[in-house]
Protein backbone atom coordinates (compact mmCIF):
# COMPACT_ATOMS: atom_id res chain seq x y z
CA UNK A 1 29.33 6.71 -25.93
CA UNK A 2 27.03 5.97 -23.21
CA UNK A 3 27.60 7.48 -19.83
CA UNK A 4 28.52 5.26 -16.96
CA UNK A 5 25.98 4.53 -14.44
CA UNK A 6 26.43 4.78 -10.77
CA UNK A 7 24.68 3.73 -7.58
CA UNK A 8 22.04 6.31 -6.50
CA UNK A 9 23.31 8.28 -3.21
CA UNK A 10 19.79 7.30 -1.47
CA UNK A 11 19.00 4.16 -3.16
CA UNK A 12 22.08 1.98 -3.70
CA UNK A 13 20.11 -0.56 -5.30
CA UNK A 14 19.32 1.62 -8.22
CA UNK A 15 21.87 2.58 -10.85
CA UNK A 16 21.63 5.82 -12.89
CA UNK A 17 23.56 8.07 -15.27
CA UNK A 18 21.94 11.20 -13.84
CA UNK A 19 23.97 13.38 -11.30
CA UNK A 20 23.03 16.28 -9.12
CA UNK A 21 24.27 19.59 -10.95
CA UNK A 22 25.58 21.04 -7.68
CA UNK A 23 27.31 18.10 -5.82
CA UNK A 24 27.86 15.65 -8.70
CA UNK A 25 26.09 12.67 -6.72
CA UNK A 26 24.30 10.12 -8.58
CA UNK A 27 20.49 10.50 -8.19
CA UNK A 28 17.86 7.90 -9.51
CA UNK A 29 14.55 8.88 -10.89
CA UNK A 30 12.77 8.84 -7.51
CA UNK A 31 15.32 11.20 -5.94
CA UNK A 32 15.74 13.65 -8.77
CA UNK A 33 14.81 17.27 -7.82
CA UNK A 34 14.35 19.55 -11.13
CA UNK A 35 14.77 23.24 -10.53
CA UNK A 36 16.25 25.95 -12.52
CA UNK A 37 16.38 23.87 -15.71
CA UNK A 38 18.83 21.57 -13.79
CA UNK A 39 18.43 18.22 -11.86
CA UNK A 40 19.52 18.35 -8.11
CA UNK A 41 19.65 15.80 -5.43
CA UNK A 42 17.27 17.87 -3.20
CA UNK A 43 16.07 21.47 -2.81
CA UNK A 44 19.02 22.35 -0.54
CA UNK A 45 21.44 21.81 -3.28
CA UNK A 46 19.10 23.53 -5.85
CA UNK A 47 19.00 26.77 -3.78
CA UNK A 48 22.81 26.62 -3.03
CA UNK A 49 23.58 26.30 -6.69
CA UNK A 50 21.16 29.25 -7.40
CA UNK A 51 22.75 31.46 -4.56
CA UNK A 52 26.18 30.79 -5.99
CA UNK A 53 24.98 31.53 -9.61
CA UNK A 54 23.40 34.85 -8.71
CA UNK A 55 26.52 35.78 -6.78
CA UNK A 56 28.50 35.33 -9.82
CA UNK A 57 26.19 36.99 -12.01
CA UNK A 58 25.48 40.13 -9.88
CA UNK A 59 28.50 40.48 -7.57
CA UNK A 60 27.43 42.94 -5.05
CA UNK A 61 29.49 46.06 -4.45
CA UNK A 62 30.92 46.77 -1.15
CA UNK A 63 28.46 49.71 -0.61
CA UNK A 64 25.58 47.25 -1.13
CA UNK A 65 27.11 44.80 1.36
CA UNK A 66 27.48 47.58 3.92
CA UNK A 67 23.88 48.42 3.52
CA UNK A 68 22.63 44.87 4.09
CA UNK A 69 24.63 44.51 7.28
CA UNK A 70 23.13 47.96 8.39
CA UNK A 71 19.64 46.81 7.87
CA UNK A 72 20.33 43.51 9.75
CA UNK A 73 21.79 45.09 12.58
CA UNK A 74 18.89 47.56 12.84
CA UNK A 75 16.40 44.84 12.94
CA UNK A 76 18.36 42.93 15.78
CA UNK A 77 18.52 46.02 17.92
CA UNK A 78 14.93 46.91 17.39
CA UNK A 79 13.83 43.26 18.36
CA UNK A 80 16.12 43.60 21.48
CA UNK A 81 14.69 46.67 22.83
CA UNK A 82 10.96 45.86 21.55
CA UNK A 83 10.65 42.21 22.57
CA UNK A 84 8.46 41.56 25.87
CA UNK A 85 10.21 40.59 28.89
CA UNK A 86 10.15 37.01 29.82
CA UNK A 87 10.68 35.27 33.13
CA UNK A 88 12.68 32.01 32.60
CA UNK A 89 14.24 31.80 35.91
CA UNK A 90 14.96 28.39 37.37
CA UNK A 91 13.72 29.51 40.91
CA UNK A 92 10.17 28.53 41.81
CA UNK A 93 7.54 31.25 42.16
CA UNK A 94 6.55 32.41 45.69
CA UNK A 95 4.54 29.96 47.59
CA UNK A 96 5.47 26.93 45.49
CA UNK A 97 8.64 24.55 46.21
CA UNK A 98 10.23 22.27 43.64
CA UNK A 99 8.66 19.37 45.70
CA UNK A 100 5.16 20.91 45.65
CA UNK A 101 2.94 19.99 42.62
CA UNK A 102 -0.32 21.61 44.13
CA UNK A 103 -1.53 24.58 42.63
CA UNK A 104 -1.50 27.61 44.83
CA UNK A 105 -4.25 30.00 43.92
CA UNK A 106 -2.53 32.93 45.77
CA UNK A 107 0.31 32.93 43.37
CA UNK A 108 -1.75 33.24 40.09
CA UNK A 109 0.80 30.72 38.50
CA UNK A 110 -0.71 28.12 36.07
CA UNK A 111 0.30 24.49 36.55
CA UNK A 112 1.11 21.90 34.07
CA UNK A 113 0.74 18.09 33.99
CA UNK A 114 1.91 15.60 31.21
CA UNK A 115 1.28 11.96 29.96
CA UNK A 116 3.28 10.45 27.49
CA UNK A 117 1.92 7.92 25.31
CA UNK A 118 4.75 5.59 24.11
CA UNK A 119 3.08 3.44 21.53
CA UNK A 120 1.47 6.45 19.80
CA UNK A 121 4.68 8.79 20.08
CA UNK A 122 2.47 11.32 21.52
CA UNK A 123 2.68 13.48 24.61
CA UNK A 124 -0.53 14.99 26.21
CA UNK A 125 -0.18 18.12 28.30
CA UNK A 126 -2.89 19.75 30.46
CA UNK A 127 -2.58 23.34 31.92
CA UNK A 128 -4.90 24.38 34.89
CA UNK A 129 -5.02 27.71 36.75
CA UNK A 130 -4.73 30.03 33.83
CA UNK A 131 -6.50 33.23 34.59
CA UNK A 132 -6.63 36.36 32.41
CA UNK A 133 -4.22 35.22 29.97
CA UNK A 134 -3.19 32.56 27.28
CA UNK A 135 -0.67 29.81 26.88
CA UNK A 136 1.48 29.35 24.13
CA UNK A 137 3.03 26.02 23.30
CA UNK A 138 6.32 26.07 21.15
CA UNK A 139 7.99 22.86 19.78
CA UNK A 140 11.54 22.95 18.49
CA UNK A 141 11.30 26.86 18.34
CA UNK A 142 7.96 26.76 16.37
CA UNK A 143 4.77 28.02 17.83
CA UNK A 144 2.28 25.28 17.37
CA UNK A 145 -0.87 26.13 19.79
CA UNK A 146 -2.10 28.83 21.75
CA UNK A 147 -5.27 28.84 23.92
CA UNK A 148 -6.89 31.06 26.63
CA UNK A 149 -8.69 28.10 28.28
CA UNK A 150 -7.60 25.66 30.93
CA UNK A 151 -7.55 21.93 30.13
CA UNK A 152 -5.93 19.47 27.68
CA UNK A 153 -3.86 20.62 24.86
CA UNK A 154 -3.95 18.69 21.59
CA UNK A 155 -1.64 15.76 21.52
CA UNK A 156 2.00 16.37 20.37
CA UNK A 157 3.37 14.04 17.88
CA UNK A 158 7.06 13.34 18.89
CA UNK A 159 9.68 13.36 16.32
CA UNK A 160 12.84 11.17 16.40
CA UNK A 161 15.52 12.60 18.44
CA UNK A 162 15.21 15.57 20.53
CA UNK A 163 12.02 17.43 20.96
CA UNK A 164 12.31 20.61 22.70
CA UNK A 165 9.19 21.71 24.39
CA UNK A 166 8.52 25.13 25.88
CA UNK A 167 5.31 26.54 27.45
CA UNK A 168 4.76 30.16 27.58
CA UNK A 169 2.07 32.34 29.45
CA UNK A 170 0.88 35.74 28.21
CA UNK A 171 -1.03 37.80 30.82
CA UNK A 172 -3.42 40.56 30.33
CA UNK A 173 -0.69 43.18 30.36
CA UNK A 174 1.07 41.35 27.53
CA UNK A 175 4.00 40.14 29.64
CA UNK A 176 5.27 36.71 28.87
CA UNK A 177 6.78 34.27 31.12
CA UNK A 178 8.18 30.59 30.70
CA UNK A 179 5.84 28.07 32.51
CA UNK A 180 7.97 25.15 31.87
CA UNK A 181 10.45 23.64 29.30
CA UNK A 182 11.86 20.37 28.89
CA UNK A 183 13.46 18.01 26.00
CA UNK A 184 12.11 14.66 24.98
CA UNK A 185 14.51 12.36 23.30
CA UNK A 186 12.31 9.69 21.46
CA UNK A 187 13.70 6.68 20.01
CA UNK A 188 12.24 3.33 19.26
CA UNK A 189 14.52 0.43 17.67
CA UNK A 190 11.44 -1.51 16.34
CA UNK A 191 10.15 1.56 14.33
CA UNK A 192 13.67 2.38 13.11
CA UNK A 193 13.95 -1.22 11.85
CA UNK A 194 10.56 -1.42 10.26
CA UNK A 195 11.13 1.97 8.71
CA UNK A 196 13.98 0.46 6.55
CA UNK A 197 12.67 -0.62 3.23
CA UNK A 198 14.13 -3.92 1.80
CA UNK A 199 15.06 -4.28 -1.71
CA UNK A 200 17.42 -7.44 -1.49
CA UNK A 201 18.69 -9.77 1.03
CA UNK A 202 22.42 -10.52 1.58
CA UNK A 203 23.07 -14.12 0.82
CA UNK A 204 25.74 -16.34 -0.68
CA UNK A 205 23.09 -19.05 -1.71
CA UNK A 206 21.35 -19.14 -5.18
CA UNK A 207 17.89 -18.13 -3.70
CA UNK A 208 15.58 -15.48 -5.25
CA UNK A 209 12.15 -14.18 -4.22
CA UNK A 210 9.51 -14.32 -6.77
CA UNK A 211 6.83 -11.69 -5.66
CA UNK A 212 3.57 -10.86 -7.13
CA UNK A 213 1.00 -7.88 -6.91
CA UNK A 214 -2.40 -8.28 -6.87
CA UNK A 215 -4.56 -4.97 -7.59
CA UNK A 216 -7.71 -4.69 -9.53
CA UNK A 217 -7.42 -7.48 -12.18
CA UNK A 218 -7.48 -11.42 -11.86
CA UNK A 219 -6.87 -11.88 -15.67
CA UNK A 220 -4.14 -14.57 -15.73
CA UNK A 221 -4.10 -15.36 -11.95
CA UNK A 222 -5.35 -19.08 -12.21
CA UNK A 223 -2.72 -19.57 -14.76
CA UNK A 224 0.12 -18.22 -12.60
CA UNK A 225 -1.12 -20.21 -9.72
CA UNK A 226 -1.08 -23.43 -11.78
CA UNK A 227 2.39 -22.87 -12.85
CA UNK A 228 3.72 -22.24 -9.34
CA UNK A 229 1.92 -25.15 -7.99
CA UNK A 230 3.36 -27.41 -10.87
CA UNK A 231 6.67 -26.24 -10.09
CA UNK A 232 6.27 -26.71 -6.31
CA UNK A 233 7.11 -23.12 -5.63
CA UNK A 234 5.87 -20.70 -2.88
CA UNK A 235 5.79 -16.94 -3.34
CA UNK A 236 5.03 -13.83 -1.31
CA UNK A 237 1.95 -12.05 -2.84
CA UNK A 238 0.90 -8.43 -2.13
CA UNK A 239 -2.78 -8.04 -2.31
CA UNK A 240 -5.10 -4.93 -2.12
CA UNK A 241 -8.08 -4.96 -0.23
CA UNK A 242 -10.20 -4.74 -3.25
CA UNK A 243 -8.73 -7.81 -4.73
CA UNK A 244 -9.66 -9.59 -1.63
CA UNK A 245 -13.21 -8.49 -1.68
CA UNK A 246 -13.74 -9.16 -5.43
CA UNK A 247 -11.71 -12.49 -5.64
CA UNK A 248 -12.06 -14.07 -2.33
CA UNK A 249 -11.91 -17.66 -3.87
CA UNK A 250 -8.40 -16.81 -5.48
CA UNK A 251 -7.24 -15.59 -2.21
CA UNK A 252 -8.44 -18.88 -0.68
CA UNK A 253 -6.52 -20.76 -3.21
CA UNK A 254 -3.34 -18.78 -2.63
CA UNK A 255 -3.63 -19.61 0.97
CA UNK A 256 -4.07 -23.46 0.18
CA UNK A 257 -1.23 -23.56 -2.13
CA UNK A 258 1.08 -22.30 0.68
CA UNK A 259 1.79 -18.77 -0.43
CA UNK A 260 2.23 -15.89 1.99
CA UNK A 261 0.11 -12.62 1.58
CA UNK A 262 1.31 -9.19 2.46
CA UNK A 263 -0.51 -5.76 2.17
CA UNK A 264 -0.80 -3.70 -1.00
CA UNK A 265 -3.14 -1.15 0.63
CA UNK A 266 -6.83 -1.01 0.14
CA UNK A 267 -7.45 0.48 -3.48
CA UNK A 268 -3.73 1.24 -4.63
CA UNK A 269 -3.53 4.94 -4.36
CA UNK A 270 -0.84 7.40 -5.02
CA UNK A 271 1.13 8.43 -2.05
CA UNK A 272 3.71 10.91 -3.35
CA UNK A 273 4.20 13.36 -6.24
CA UNK A 274 6.28 11.20 -8.17
CA UNK A 275 3.89 11.17 -11.09
CA UNK A 276 3.23 14.78 -11.04
CA UNK A 277 6.51 16.52 -10.74
CA UNK A 278 8.95 13.65 -10.38
CA UNK A 279 9.66 14.24 -6.51
CA UNK A 280 8.90 11.93 -3.68
CA UNK A 281 7.14 14.54 -1.60
CA UNK A 282 4.02 13.36 0.26
CA UNK A 283 0.70 14.36 -1.65
CA UNK A 284 -1.13 17.01 -0.04
CA UNK A 285 -4.17 14.72 0.05
CA UNK A 286 -2.46 11.81 1.83
CA UNK A 287 -2.63 12.37 5.48
CA UNK A 288 -1.32 10.21 8.12
CA UNK A 289 -4.95 9.00 9.13
CA UNK A 290 -5.71 8.27 5.38
CA UNK A 291 -2.70 6.35 4.68
CA UNK A 292 -2.93 4.22 7.99
CA UNK A 293 -6.51 3.47 6.81
CA UNK A 294 -5.32 1.95 3.80
CA UNK A 295 -3.21 -0.48 5.40
CA UNK A 296 -5.32 -1.30 8.61
CA UNK A 297 -8.56 -1.70 6.27
CA UNK A 298 -6.88 -4.07 4.16
CA UNK A 299 -5.58 -5.90 7.41
CA UNK A 300 -9.02 -6.11 8.67
CA UNK A 301 -10.60 -7.44 5.50
CA UNK A 302 -8.14 -10.44 5.34
CA UNK A 303 -8.48 -11.16 9.17
CA UNK A 304 -12.26 -11.09 8.95
CA UNK A 305 -12.80 -12.87 5.70
CA UNK A 306 -10.00 -15.29 5.51
CA UNK A 307 -8.56 -15.60 9.29
CA UNK A 308 -5.48 -15.23 10.63
CA UNK A 309 -3.24 -12.31 10.08
CA UNK A 310 -1.34 -10.63 7.04
CA UNK A 311 2.38 -11.19 6.98
CA UNK A 312 3.98 -7.99 8.38
CA UNK A 313 5.18 -6.61 5.12
CA UNK A 314 3.56 -4.18 2.72
CA UNK A 315 4.39 -2.84 -1.04
CA UNK A 316 3.67 0.62 -1.96
CA UNK A 317 1.40 1.15 -5.04
CA UNK A 318 3.76 2.43 -7.82
CA UNK A 319 6.54 2.08 -5.40
CA UNK A 320 5.90 5.71 -4.04
CA UNK A 321 7.52 5.91 -0.68
CA UNK A 322 9.57 8.34 1.25
CA UNK A 323 10.78 8.41 5.00
CA UNK A 324 7.36 9.83 6.23
CA UNK A 325 5.40 6.93 4.42
CA UNK A 326 7.64 4.47 5.72
CA UNK A 327 7.23 5.67 9.08
CA UNK A 328 3.54 5.74 9.20
CA UNK A 329 3.50 2.16 7.86
CA UNK A 330 6.09 1.14 10.56
CA UNK A 331 3.79 2.33 13.35
CA UNK A 332 0.82 0.09 11.93
CA UNK A 333 3.46 -2.78 12.10
CA UNK A 334 4.35 -3.25 8.51
CA UNK A 335 7.64 -3.13 6.81
CA UNK A 336 8.12 -2.01 3.02
CA UNK A 337 9.26 -4.84 0.59
CA UNK A 338 10.48 -3.23 -2.51
CA UNK A 339 12.01 -4.94 -5.61
CA UNK A 340 15.91 -5.36 -6.50
CA UNK A 341 17.53 -2.96 -9.15
CA UNK A 342 16.56 -4.07 -12.67
CA UNK A 343 14.10 -6.67 -11.25
CA UNK A 344 10.71 -5.02 -12.32
CA UNK A 345 9.44 -7.21 -14.85
CA UNK A 346 7.30 -4.46 -16.30
CA UNK A 347 4.75 -6.80 -17.05
CA UNK A 348 2.28 -4.12 -16.17
CA UNK A 349 3.04 -2.29 -19.41
CA UNK A 350 0.21 -3.12 -21.55
CA UNK A 351 0.74 -0.94 -24.82
CA UNK A 352 3.26 -2.65 -27.32
CA UNK A 353 4.30 0.85 -28.55
CA UNK A 354 5.60 1.87 -25.26
CA UNK A 355 9.26 1.95 -24.77
CA UNK A 356 8.99 -0.05 -21.57
CA UNK A 357 7.03 -2.78 -23.07
CA UNK A 358 8.44 -6.31 -23.04
CA UNK A 359 6.92 -9.18 -24.52
CA UNK A 360 6.53 -12.39 -22.36
CA UNK A 361 9.65 -13.85 -24.23
CA UNK A 362 11.44 -10.69 -23.36
CA UNK A 363 10.52 -10.67 -19.85
CA UNK A 364 12.10 -14.24 -19.68
CA UNK A 365 15.28 -13.25 -21.55
CA UNK A 366 15.72 -10.15 -19.24
CA UNK A 367 15.91 -12.00 -16.32
CA UNK A 368 18.08 -14.87 -17.69
CA UNK A 369 20.41 -12.27 -19.08
CA UNK A 370 20.37 -10.41 -15.66
CA UNK A 371 21.41 -13.73 -13.81
CA UNK A 372 24.06 -14.44 -16.40
CA UNK A 373 25.71 -11.00 -15.87
CA UNK A 374 24.96 -10.06 -12.26
CA UNK A 375 23.50 -13.07 -10.42
CA UNK A 376 19.99 -13.18 -8.74
CA UNK A 377 21.26 -14.35 -5.19
CA UNK A 378 18.99 -12.59 -2.64
CA UNK A 379 17.20 -10.45 -5.34
CA UNK A 380 13.57 -9.76 -5.32
CA UNK A 381 11.66 -9.95 -8.47
CA UNK A 382 8.23 -7.97 -9.24
CA UNK A 383 5.53 -9.49 -11.22
CA UNK A 384 1.72 -9.00 -11.30
CA UNK A 385 -1.08 -11.46 -10.85
CA UNK A 386 -3.34 -9.65 -13.31
CA UNK A 387 -2.73 -8.29 -16.68
CA UNK A 388 -4.61 -5.69 -18.85
CA UNK A 389 -3.02 -7.07 -22.09
CA UNK A 390 -5.23 -8.62 -24.87
CA UNK A 391 -2.56 -11.03 -25.82
CA UNK A 392 1.09 -12.00 -25.13
CA UNK A 393 0.35 -12.40 -21.54
CA UNK A 394 3.41 -12.40 -19.13
CA UNK A 395 2.65 -15.85 -17.55
CA UNK A 396 3.29 -17.44 -20.79
CA UNK A 397 6.87 -17.54 -20.35
CA UNK A 398 6.72 -17.90 -16.46
CA UNK A 399 7.04 -21.64 -16.72
CA UNK A 400 10.28 -21.62 -18.75
CA UNK A 401 11.87 -18.85 -16.66
CA UNK A 402 11.49 -20.85 -13.77
CA UNK A 403 12.54 -24.18 -15.15
CA UNK A 404 15.82 -22.53 -16.55
CA UNK A 405 16.62 -20.62 -13.16
CA UNK A 406 16.32 -24.05 -11.53
CA UNK A 407 18.73 -25.59 -13.96
CA UNK A 408 21.08 -22.98 -13.01
CA UNK A 409 20.75 -24.15 -9.22
CA UNK A 410 18.40 -21.46 -8.03
CA UNK A 411 15.50 -22.12 -5.41
CA UNK A 412 12.49 -19.92 -4.95
CA UNK A 413 11.79 -18.71 -1.46
CA UNK A 414 9.19 -16.26 0.27
CA UNK A 415 10.17 -12.97 1.79
CA UNK A 416 9.72 -14.57 5.17
CA UNK A 417 12.13 -17.27 4.56
CA UNK A 418 14.71 -14.69 3.65
CA UNK A 419 14.42 -12.89 6.90
CA UNK A 420 13.78 -13.36 10.54
CA UNK A 421 10.11 -12.84 11.70
CA UNK A 422 9.61 -9.15 12.67
CA UNK A 423 8.33 -8.99 16.30
């Protein structure tokens, strides 16, 4: 008997039969964390299970517990008596009042200035008057920078929520003192909204978004555009920068036919380790600067070659996203548009022997069956403008799929028609 499928704890639009071995929560393939020969919803529950498992296997004796407590207490005592003295008094140093922001060289106390850059969520700090010592910058309890020279410190990237900042000075004698400490609460309603990926739209109307990704191939693009034009359908198409460079005439036709274009990065790279170990951890090679360049470079190519701006939507190659990736994209002004559960056409699978392969007729039948069972109201369908197949091209059943869904009362709309413009 097949196991029942439940909505993923992190992606409610995805259904799965897999569950966390610790908390029994449903986890889709994107959220599964494999460790200790089991599947978990994350590293925390994997190690909690491991700790409990080891406790059951090797239940420590009372003597061993007392020994551990003794070692811990000894370390605390040693730290208390050997830690350097710190001066965190709230009273101002001699010669400087709370209202005085001018450095008095007689006090040998450094001064600090700061500039906050809201749009870049960065904080700039400058320390002056540092003599025969060093300054240490601590963010949320973690030492992030140390310097023995005056001047500007590296820009701090503020996290959402509370950012606890402390500046400590260390003199030549090894004595530390607190120069300043403060907390910055950073929040942006716009970034929070743009950081939320969209997989479907809540609507009671029989409306569905037919979307296409354009990567490196144009095989079948002309035929798809002909079918859409014949059926008077406008779609949202996510194009890579390379597609724009290689096939500018196709891009111009897409625009002439009234379709809207979103961002699909420049060269379709991997962003996470999903292909490597099944996790959505950001790849070590994918830095913030490199990621943002993928979106901004494509945006610049479109603006320079075709005029106007891309729609403020993007789609990750291979669907590889995580909160960090979504945040970086939001900071460039793009919101992620995914696809609804079971609405990946799998038209990108080229090998007929693959278990994921669907023929053109099977793609059509899949969506018609899904509509009959669950309905397609507000759903986002994923297809591709190019195909690497040698025969049985997915577009061969596109016309019949569109006509049948129209008979069932559906209309096809763009992503922008489903949602309010993002300002």
